[in-house]
Amino acid sequence: MFGMEKWFAQQSYLTQVIFVIIPVIGWLIEIGVRIFALIRLHSKKHIIGLIVFILLGWTWIPCFIDCFFLYFKEDLMLIE
């Protein structure tokens, strides 16, 4: 990991949840983390996740789904 993905993973659980829930900041952080994951892994799953968050990330639905993923899997949706 490098860049924004590494930085986000090093944050505490509470900080990650706060970053995901705040509307504009959460959207920008999620896009950045997904771009770095796409660069690192070149997976179709990461392309789909990036497209979903570019198109729907400004709504609350993907942010709440990511909160559940952070709670249960300790990672964002469609990111490994």
Foldseek 3Di string as FASTA:
>chain_A
DDDLLVVLLPDDLVVNLVQLQPQPSNLVSQLVNLVVQCVVPVDPLSVVSNVCSVVPVNDCVQSVVQNVCCVPVVGGPSGD
